[in-house]
């Protein structure tokens, strides 16, 4: 009887040991699944709008740059990104930047007009992506010029929030115009985001004046990486 009892005890302990072993075997699988999860980059597309490509303030290489971008996104370059931000000028008709109101530029990207919309070929591709695409507005206050999305109180706060909370591995920037809005957005971004994690997509930008853009020199000064899609 004593021998039988000892045998039962041995079997119980053996079963417990096997149970613990099975639990330990699951842990590496759980850890591996966590390691596979990849945080990706943020893509900021600056003002890819009709008025800056074919409209009232069209930039010479704007359509080509946006077609290149659309084709790249269609061909899965977006696999590198978990989030895309599209910035848009969103001016009231009496905006102070317009020539008729004492400003520098012809009326452009006016609320309620076709010119405020995203370049059609690009918009079509963005509509079909399975990652988050977020449109943010700037220049919506008549008395205030906002070349950079970060100069807009509401939109700027949103960008800062997502760079802190979403854990992007880096940020890429492209769009129009590289000597104004792209340049100013990059400058403002570097005030709180590390330059070594920022890249400019140089074949998806276009300048008002390609020969006098401050962007290349600024990128060199700050060590910003240039890439192409």
C-alpha atoms as a PDB file:
ATOM      1  CA  UNK A   1       0.000   0.000   0.000  1.00  0.00           C
ATOM      2  CA  UNK A   2       2.827   2.391   0.888  1.00  0.00           C
ATOM      3  CA  UNK A   3       4.497   1.667  -2.462  1.00  0.00           C
ATOM      4  CA  UNK A   4       1.303   2.372  -4.362  1.00  0.00           C
ATOM      5  CA  UNK A   5       0.858   5.678  -2.557  1.00  0.00           C
ATOM      6  CA  UNK A   6       4.375   6.747  -3.422  1.00  0.00           C
ATOM      7  CA  UNK A   7       3.761   5.879  -7.059  1.00  0.00           C
ATOM      8  CA  UNK A   8       0.637   8.086  -7.153  1.00  0.00           C
ATOM      9  CA  UNK A   9       2.536  11.003  -5.577  1.00  0.00           C
ATOM     10  CA  UNK A  10       5.321  10.615  -8.132  1.00  0.00           C
ATOM     11  CA  UNK A  11       2.796  10.668 -10.983  1.00  0.00           C
ATOM     12  CA  UNK A  12       1.131  13.848  -9.642  1.00  0.00           C
ATOM     13  CA  UNK A  13       4.439  15.706  -9.401  1.00  0.00           C
ATOM     14  CA  UNK A  14       5.401  14.493 -12.852  1.00  0.00           C
ATOM     15  CA  UNK A  15       2.128  15.905 -14.258  1.00  0.00           C
ATOM     16  CA  UNK A  16       2.736  19.272 -12.591  1.00  0.00           C
ATOM     17  CA  UNK A  17       6.202  19.374 -14.036  1.00  0.00           C
ATOM     18  CA  UNK A  18       4.862  18.723 -17.521  1.00  0.00           C
ATOM     19  CA  UNK A  19       2.249  21.463 -17.075  1.00  0.00           C
ATOM     20  CA  UNK A  20       4.906  23.998 -16.060  1.00  0.00           C
ATOM     21  CA  UNK A  21       7.069  22.898 -18.957  1.00  0.00           C
ATOM     22  CA  UNK A  22       4.223  23.513 -21.402  1.00  0.00           C
ATOM     23  CA  UNK A  23       3.666  27.003 -19.983  1.00  0.00           C
ATOM     24  CA  UNK A  24       7.352  27.801 -20.340  1.00  0.00           C
ATOM     25  CA  UNK A  25       7.296  26.596 -23.933  1.00  0.00           C
ATOM     26  CA  UNK A  26       4.529  29.120 -24.791  1.00  0.00           C
ATOM     27  CA  UNK A  27       6.467  32.130 -23.502  1.00  0.00           C
ATOM     28  CA  UNK A  28       9.098  32.239 -26.277  1.00  0.00           C
ATOM     29  CA  UNK A  29       6.269  32.162 -28.852  1.00  0.00           C
ATOM     30  CA  UNK A  30       4.573  35.127 -27.149  1.00  0.00           C
ATOM     31  CA  UNK A  31       7.849  37.056 -26.998  1.00  0.00           C
ATOM     32  CA  UNK A  32       8.532  36.310 -30.666  1.00  0.00           C
ATOM     33  CA  UNK A  33       5.100  37.644 -31.646  1.00  0.00           C
ATOM     34  CA  UNK A  34       5.855  40.878 -29.781  1.00  0.00           C
ATOM     35  CA  UNK A  35       9.222  41.240 -31.474  1.00  0.00           C
ATOM     36  CA  UNK A  36       7.686  40.807 -34.946  1.00  0.00           C
ATOM     37  CA  UNK A  37       5.380  43.796 -34.400  1.00  0.00           C
ATOM     38  CA  UNK A  38       7.021  46.688 -36.280  1.00  0.00           C
ATOM     39  CA  UNK A  39       6.495  50.399 -35.754  1.00  0.00           C
ATOM     40  CA  UNK A  40       6.763  52.234 -39.076  1.00  0.00           C
ATOM     41  CA  UNK A  41       7.442  55.750 -40.338  1.00  0.00           C
ATOM     42  CA  UNK A  42       5.191  58.792 -40.834  1.00  0.00           C
ATOM     43  CA  UNK A  43       4.924  60.355 -44.304  1.00  0.00           C
ATOM     44  CA  UNK A  44       4.028  64.062 -44.491  1.00  0.00           C
ATOM     45  CA  UNK A  45       2.821  65.211 -47.922  1.00  0.00           C
ATOM     46  CA  UNK A  46       2.856  69.009 -47.975  1.00  0.00           C
ATOM     47  CA  UNK A  47       0.115  70.824 -49.926  1.00  0.00           C
ATOM     48  CA  UNK A  48      -0.321  68.462 -52.916  1.00  0.00           C
ATOM     49  CA  UNK A  49      -3.237  70.583 -54.108  1.00  0.00           C
ATOM     50  CA  UNK A  50      -4.772  71.405 -57.476  1.00  0.00           C
ATOM     51  CA  UNK A  51      -3.936  75.122 -57.260  1.00  0.00           C
ATOM     52  CA  UNK A  52      -0.239  74.258 -56.733  1.00  0.00           C
ATOM     53  CA  UNK A  53      -0.126  71.788 -59.637  1.00  0.00           C
ATOM     54  CA  UNK A  54      -2.482  72.928 -62.390  1.00  0.00           C
ATOM     55  CA  UNK A  55      -4.360  75.853 -60.835  1.00  0.00           C
ATOM     56  CA  UNK A  56      -3.891  79.506 -59.944  1.00  0.00           C
ATOM     57  CA  UNK A  57      -0.462  79.106 -58.311  1.00  0.00           C
ATOM     58  CA  UNK A  58       0.836  76.147 -60.309  1.00  0.00           C
ATOM     59  CA  UNK A  59       4.472  75.120 -59.765  1.00  0.00           C
ATOM     60  CA  UNK A  60       6.278  73.962 -62.913  1.00  0.00           C
ATOM     61  CA  UNK A  61       7.286  70.487 -61.709  1.00  0.00           C
ATOM     62  CA  UNK A  62       4.305  70.046 -59.398  1.00  0.00           C
ATOM     63  CA  UNK A  63       2.302  67.601 -61.551  1.00  0.00           C
ATOM     64  CA  UNK A  64       5.370  65.456 -62.284  1.00  0.00           C
ATOM     65  CA  UNK A  65       6.298  65.276 -58.599  1.00  0.00           C
ATOM     66  CA  UNK A  66       2.776  64.305 -57.560  1.00  0.00           C
ATOM     67  CA  UNK A  67       2.476  61.708 -60.342  1.00  0.00           C
ATOM     68  CA  UNK A  68       5.761  60.184 -59.146  1.00  0.00           C
ATOM     69  CA  UNK A  69       4.458  60.111 -55.592  1.00  0.00           C
ATOM     70  CA  UNK A  70       1.127  58.582 -56.629  1.00  0.00           C
ATOM     71  CA  UNK A  71       2.866  55.855 -58.613  1.00  0.00           C
ATOM     72  CA  UNK A  72       5.208  55.056 -55.723  1.00  0.00           C
ATOM     73  CA  UNK A  73       2.335  54.753 -53.245  1.00  0.00           C
ATOM     74  CA  UNK A  74       0.433  52.575 -55.694  1.00  0.00           C
ATOM     75  CA  UNK A  75       3.467  50.286 -55.962  1.00  0.00           C
ATOM     76  CA  UNK A  76       3.605  49.632 -52.215  1.00  0.00           C
ATOM     77  CA  UNK A  77       6.208  52.158 -51.053  1.00  0.00           C
ATOM     78  CA  UNK A  78       3.515  52.782 -48.421  1.00  0.00           C
ATOM     79  CA  UNK A  79       4.516  49.489 -46.768  1.00  0.00           C
ATOM     80  CA  UNK A  80       7.166  51.528 -44.971  1.00  0.00           C
ATOM     81  CA  UNK A  81       4.530  53.787 -43.361  1.00  0.00           C
ATOM     82  CA  UNK A  82       1.862  53.337 -40.726  1.00  0.00           C
ATOM     83  CA  UNK A  83       0.380  56.842 -41.143  1.00  0.00           C
ATOM     84  CA  UNK A  84       0.254  59.548 -43.832  1.00  0.00           C
ATOM     85  CA  UNK A  85      -0.474  63.211 -43.119  1.00  0.00           C
ATOM     86  CA  UNK A  86      -1.628  65.377 -46.047  1.00  0.00           C
ATOM     87  CA  UNK A  87      -1.393  69.108 -45.337  1.00  0.00           C
ATOM     88  CA  UNK A  88      -3.615  71.578 -47.188  1.00  0.00           C
ATOM     89  CA  UNK A  89      -3.817  75.349 -47.477  1.00  0.00           C
ATOM     90  CA  UNK A  90      -7.414  76.161 -46.564  1.00  0.00           C
ATOM     91  CA  UNK A  91      -7.773  79.886 -47.095  1.00  0.00           C
ATOM     92  CA  UNK A  92     -10.832  82.095 -46.661  1.00  0.00           C
ATOM     93  CA  UNK A  93     -11.500  84.304 -49.696  1.00  0.00           C
ATOM     94  CA  UNK A  94     -10.201  87.391 -47.848  1.00  0.00           C
ATOM     95  CA  UNK A  95      -6.872  85.858 -46.845  1.00  0.00           C
ATOM     96  CA  UNK A  96      -4.102  88.410 -46.256  1.00  0.00           C
ATOM     97  CA  UNK A  97      -1.591  86.546 -48.458  1.00  0.00           C
ATOM     98  CA  UNK A  98      -3.588  87.295 -51.626  1.00  0.00           C
ATOM     99  CA  UNK A  99      -2.462  90.141 -53.890  1.00  0.00           C
ATOM    100  CA  UNK A 100      -5.928  91.726 -53.883  1.00  0.00           C
ATOM    101  CA  UNK A 101      -5.713  91.888 -50.092  1.00  0.00           C
ATOM    102  CA  UNK A 102      -2.222  93.397 -50.038  1.00  0.00           C
ATOM    103  CA  UNK A 103      -0.315  90.099 -49.997  1.00  0.00           C
ATOM    104  CA  UNK A 104       2.224  88.365 -52.249  1.00  0.00           C
ATOM    105  CA  UNK A 105       0.323  85.564 -53.977  1.00  0.00           C
ATOM    106  CA  UNK A 106      -2.632  85.221 -56.342  1.00  0.00           C
ATOM    107  CA  UNK A 107      -5.744  83.806 -54.684  1.00  0.00           C
ATOM    108  CA  UNK A 108      -5.247  80.070 -54.162  1.00  0.00           C
ATOM    109  CA  UNK A 109      -6.645  77.099 -52.235  1.00  0.00           C
ATOM    110  CA  UNK A 110      -9.780  79.017 -51.290  1.00  0.00           C
ATOM    111  CA  UNK A 111     -12.287  77.136 -49.191  1.00  0.00           C
ATOM    112  CA  UNK A 112     -15.118  75.740 -51.300  1.00  0.00           C
ATOM    113  CA  UNK A 113     -13.199  75.864 -54.599  1.00  0.00           C
ATOM    114  CA  UNK A 114     -11.768  73.015 -56.662  1.00  0.00           C
ATOM    115  CA  UNK A 115      -8.253  74.366 -56.182  1.00  0.00           C
ATOM    116  CA  UNK A 116      -8.217  73.434 -52.498  1.00  0.00           C
ATOM    117  CA  UNK A 117      -8.523  69.709 -53.334  1.00  0.00           C
ATOM    118  CA  UNK A 118      -5.675  67.205 -53.536  1.00  0.00           C
ATOM    119  CA  UNK A 119      -4.163  66.505 -56.985  1.00  0.00           C
ATOM    120  CA  UNK A 120      -6.628  63.942 -58.452  1.00  0.00           C
ATOM    121  CA  UNK A 121      -4.168  61.171 -59.362  1.00  0.00           C
ATOM    122  CA  UNK A 122      -2.708  61.276 -55.874  1.00  0.00           C
ATOM    123  CA  UNK A 123      -6.095  61.459 -54.168  1.00  0.00           C
ATOM    124  CA  UNK A 124      -7.237  58.359 -56.048  1.00  0.00           C
ATOM    125  CA  UNK A 125      -4.275  56.377 -54.727  1.00  0.00           C
ATOM    126  CA  UNK A 126      -4.660  57.711 -51.185  1.00  0.00           C
ATOM    127  CA  UNK A 127      -8.314  56.623 -51.211  1.00  0.00           C
ATOM    128  CA  UNK A 128      -7.247  53.042 -51.871  1.00  0.00           C
ATOM    129  CA  UNK A 129      -4.601  52.682 -49.159  1.00  0.00           C
ATOM    130  CA  UNK A 130      -5.216  50.464 -46.151  1.00  0.00           C
ATOM    131  CA  UNK A 131      -3.214  52.683 -43.781  1.00  0.00           C
ATOM    132  CA  UNK A 132      -4.397  55.810 -41.980  1.00  0.00           C
ATOM    133  CA  UNK A 133      -4.426  58.982 -44.108  1.00  0.00           C
ATOM    134  CA  UNK A 134      -5.136  62.203 -42.225  1.00  0.00           C
ATOM    135  CA  UNK A 135      -5.772  65.617 -43.821  1.00  0.00           C
ATOM    136  CA  UNK A 136      -4.735  68.664 -41.796  1.00  0.00           C
ATOM    137  CA  UNK A 137      -5.502  72.293 -42.689  1.00  0.00           C
ATOM    138  CA  UNK A 138      -3.516  75.514 -42.353  1.00  0.00           C
ATOM    139  CA  UNK A 139      -3.885  79.128 -43.441  1.00  0.00           C
ATOM    140  CA  UNK A 140      -7.528  79.181 -42.404  1.00  0.00           C
ATOM    141  CA  UNK A 141      -7.215  82.456 -40.465  1.00  0.00           C
ATOM    142  CA  UNK A 142      -7.450  85.488 -42.761  1.00  0.00           C
ATOM    143  CA  UNK A 143      -4.826  87.573 -40.948  1.00  0.00           C
ATOM    144  CA  UNK A 144      -2.201  84.832 -40.591  1.00  0.00           C
ATOM    145  CA  UNK A 145       0.204  83.308 -43.135  1.00  0.00           C
ATOM    146  CA  UNK A 146       1.070  79.694 -42.335  1.00  0.00           C
ATOM    147  CA  UNK A 147       3.593  78.090 -44.673  1.00  0.00           C
ATOM    148  CA  UNK A 148       4.204  75.277 -42.180  1.00  0.00           C
ATOM    149  CA  UNK A 149       1.488  72.987 -40.835  1.00  0.00           C
ATOM    150  CA  UNK A 150       3.146  73.407 -37.436  1.00  0.00           C
ATOM    151  CA  UNK A 151       2.361  77.135 -37.474  1.00  0.00           C
ATOM    152  CA  UNK A 152      -1.353  76.324 -37.325  1.00  0.00           C
ATOM    153  CA  UNK A 153      -2.386  75.970 -33.701  1.00  0.00           C
ATOM    154  CA  UNK A 154      -4.806  73.071 -34.082  1.00  0.00           C
ATOM    155  CA  UNK A 155      -3.026  71.112 -36.827  1.00  0.00           C
ATOM    156  CA  UNK A 156       0.391  71.737 -35.294  1.00  0.00           C
ATOM    157  CA  UNK A 157      -0.787  70.334 -31.972  1.00  0.00           C
ATOM    158  CA  UNK A 158      -2.064  67.231 -33.761  1.00  0.00           C
ATOM    159  CA  UNK A 159       1.298  66.589 -35.462  1.00  0.00           C
ATOM    160  CA  UNK A 160       3.188  67.025 -32.197  1.00  0.00           C
ATOM    161  CA  UNK A 161       0.768  64.709 -30.447  1.00  0.00           C
ATOM    162  CA  UNK A 162       1.141  61.894 -32.959  1.00  0.00           C
ATOM    163  CA  UNK A 163       4.948  62.117 -33.028  1.00  0.00           C
ATOM    164  CA  UNK A 164       4.941  61.581 -29.265  1.00  0.00           C
ATOM    165  CA  UNK A 165       2.210  58.960 -28.967  1.00  0.00           C
ATOM    166  CA  UNK A 166       2.514  56.823 -32.104  1.00  0.00           C
ATOM    167  CA  UNK A 167       6.187  55.868 -31.764  1.00  0.00           C
ATOM    168  CA  UNK A 168       7.191  56.373 -35.409  1.00  0.00           C
ATOM    169  CA  UNK A 169      10.682  55.186 -36.336  1.00  0.00           C
ATOM    170  CA  UNK A 170      11.099  58.344 -38.419  1.00  0.00           C
ATOM    171  CA  UNK A 171       9.394  60.957 -40.603  1.00  0.00           C
ATOM    172  CA  UNK A 172       9.634  61.532 -44.365  1.00  0.00           C
ATOM    173  CA  UNK A 173       8.555  64.772 -46.048  1.00  0.00           C
ATOM    174  CA  UNK A 174       7.655  65.628 -49.640  1.00  0.00           C
ATOM    175  CA  UNK A 175       5.252  67.928 -51.493  1.00  0.00           C
ATOM    176  CA  UNK A 176       4.906  71.510 -52.738  1.00  0.00           C
ATOM    177  CA  UNK A 177       6.528  73.972 -52.662  1.00  0.00           C
ATOM    178  CA  UNK A 178       9.966  72.882 -51.525  1.00  0.00           C
ATOM    179  CA  UNK A 179      11.234  76.467 -51.222  1.00  0.00           C
ATOM    180  CA  UNK A 180       8.306  77.595 -49.071  1.00  0.00           C
ATOM    181  CA  UNK A 181       5.924  75.193 -47.348  1.00  0.00           C
ATOM    182  CA  UNK A 182       8.122  72.066 -47.415  1.00  0.00           C
ATOM    183  CA  UNK A 183      11.121  74.054 -46.211  1.00  0.00           C
ATOM    184  CA  UNK A 184       9.199  75.791 -43.422  1.00  0.00           C
ATOM    185  CA  UNK A 185       7.566  72.531 -42.299  1.00  0.00           C
ATOM    186  CA  UNK A 186      10.972  70.846 -42.102  1.00  0.00           C
ATOM    187  CA  UNK A 187      12.442  73.754 -40.123  1.00  0.00           C
ATOM    188  CA  UNK A 188       9.602  73.682 -37.598  1.00  0.00           C
ATOM    189  CA  UNK A 189       9.706  69.893 -37.312  1.00  0.00           C
ATOM    190  CA  UNK A 190      13.382  69.929 -36.355  1.00  0.00           C
ATOM    191  CA  UNK A 191      12.594  72.148 -33.371  1.00  0.00           C
ATOM    192  CA  UNK A 192      11.237  69.089 -31.542  1.00  0.00           C
ATOM    193  CA  UNK A 193      12.093  66.027 -33.670  1.00  0.00           C
ATOM    194  CA  UNK A 194      15.605  64.569 -34.204  1.00  0.00           C
ATOM    195  CA  UNK A 195      17.152  65.399 -37.584  1.00  0.00           C
ATOM    196  CA  UNK A 196      18.728  61.944 -37.882  1.00  0.00           C
ATOM    197  CA  UNK A 197      15.233  60.424 -38.097  1.00  0.00           C
ATOM    198  CA  UNK A 198      13.966  62.763 -40.834  1.00  0.00           C
ATOM    199  CA  UNK A 199      14.268  62.291 -44.606  1.00  0.00           C
ATOM    200  CA  UNK A 200      13.181  64.348 -47.625  1.00  0.00           C
ATOM    201  CA  UNK A 201      11.821  62.544 -50.705  1.00  0.00           C
ATOM    202  CA  UNK A 202      13.633  64.618 -53.323  1.00  0.00           C
ATOM    203  CA  UNK A 203      11.901  63.261 -56.431  1.00  0.00           C
ATOM    204  CA  UNK A 204       8.482  64.050 -54.955  1.00  0.00           C
ATOM    205  CA  UNK A 205       8.994  67.772 -54.315  1.00  0.00           C
ATOM    206  CA  UNK A 206       8.704  70.843 -56.542  1.00  0.00           C
ATOM    207  CA  UNK A 207       9.827  74.442 -56.016  1.00  0.00           C
ATOM    208  CA  UNK A 208       8.469  77.793 -57.114  1.00  0.00           C
ATOM    209  CA  UNK A 209      12.083  78.712 -57.976  1.00  0.00           C
ATOM    210  CA  UNK A 210      14.216  75.608 -58.447  1.00  0.00           C
ATOM    211  CA  UNK A 211      17.416  77.692 -58.685  1.00  0.00           C
ATOM    212  CA  UNK A 212      16.991  79.566 -55.411  1.00  0.00           C
ATOM    213  CA  UNK A 213      15.449  77.078 -53.015  1.00  0.00           C
ATOM    214  CA  UNK A 214      16.931  77.181 -49.494  1.00  0.00           C
ATOM    215  CA  UNK A 215      15.999  73.536 -48.918  1.00  0.00           C
ATOM    216  CA  UNK A 216      19.164  71.758 -50.221  1.00  0.00           C
ATOM    217  CA  UNK A 217      21.524  73.918 -48.162  1.00  0.00           C
ATOM    218  CA  UNK A 218      19.355  73.526 -45.065  1.00  0.00           C
ATOM    219  CA  UNK A 219      19.285  69.746 -45.467  1.00  0.00           C
ATOM    220  CA  UNK A 220      23.073  69.661 -45.756  1.00  0.00           C
ATOM    221  CA  UNK A 221      23.489  71.891 -42.711  1.00  0.00           C
ATOM    222  CA  UNK A 222      21.209  69.722 -40.545  1.00  0.00           C
ATOM    223  CA  UNK A 223      22.330  66.366 -41.933  1.00  0.00           C
ATOM    224  CA  UNK A 224      18.920  65.493 -43.385  1.00  0.00           C
ATOM    225  CA  UNK A 225      18.957  62.383 -45.542  1.00  0.00           C
ATOM    226  CA  UNK A 226      17.688  62.648 -49.130  1.00  0.00           C
ATOM    227  CA  UNK A 227      15.828  59.655 -50.582  1.00  0.00           C
ATOM    228  CA  UNK A 228      13.884  58.921 -53.769  1.00  0.00           C
ATOM    229  CA  UNK A 229      10.804  56.820 -54.397  1.00  0.00           C
END
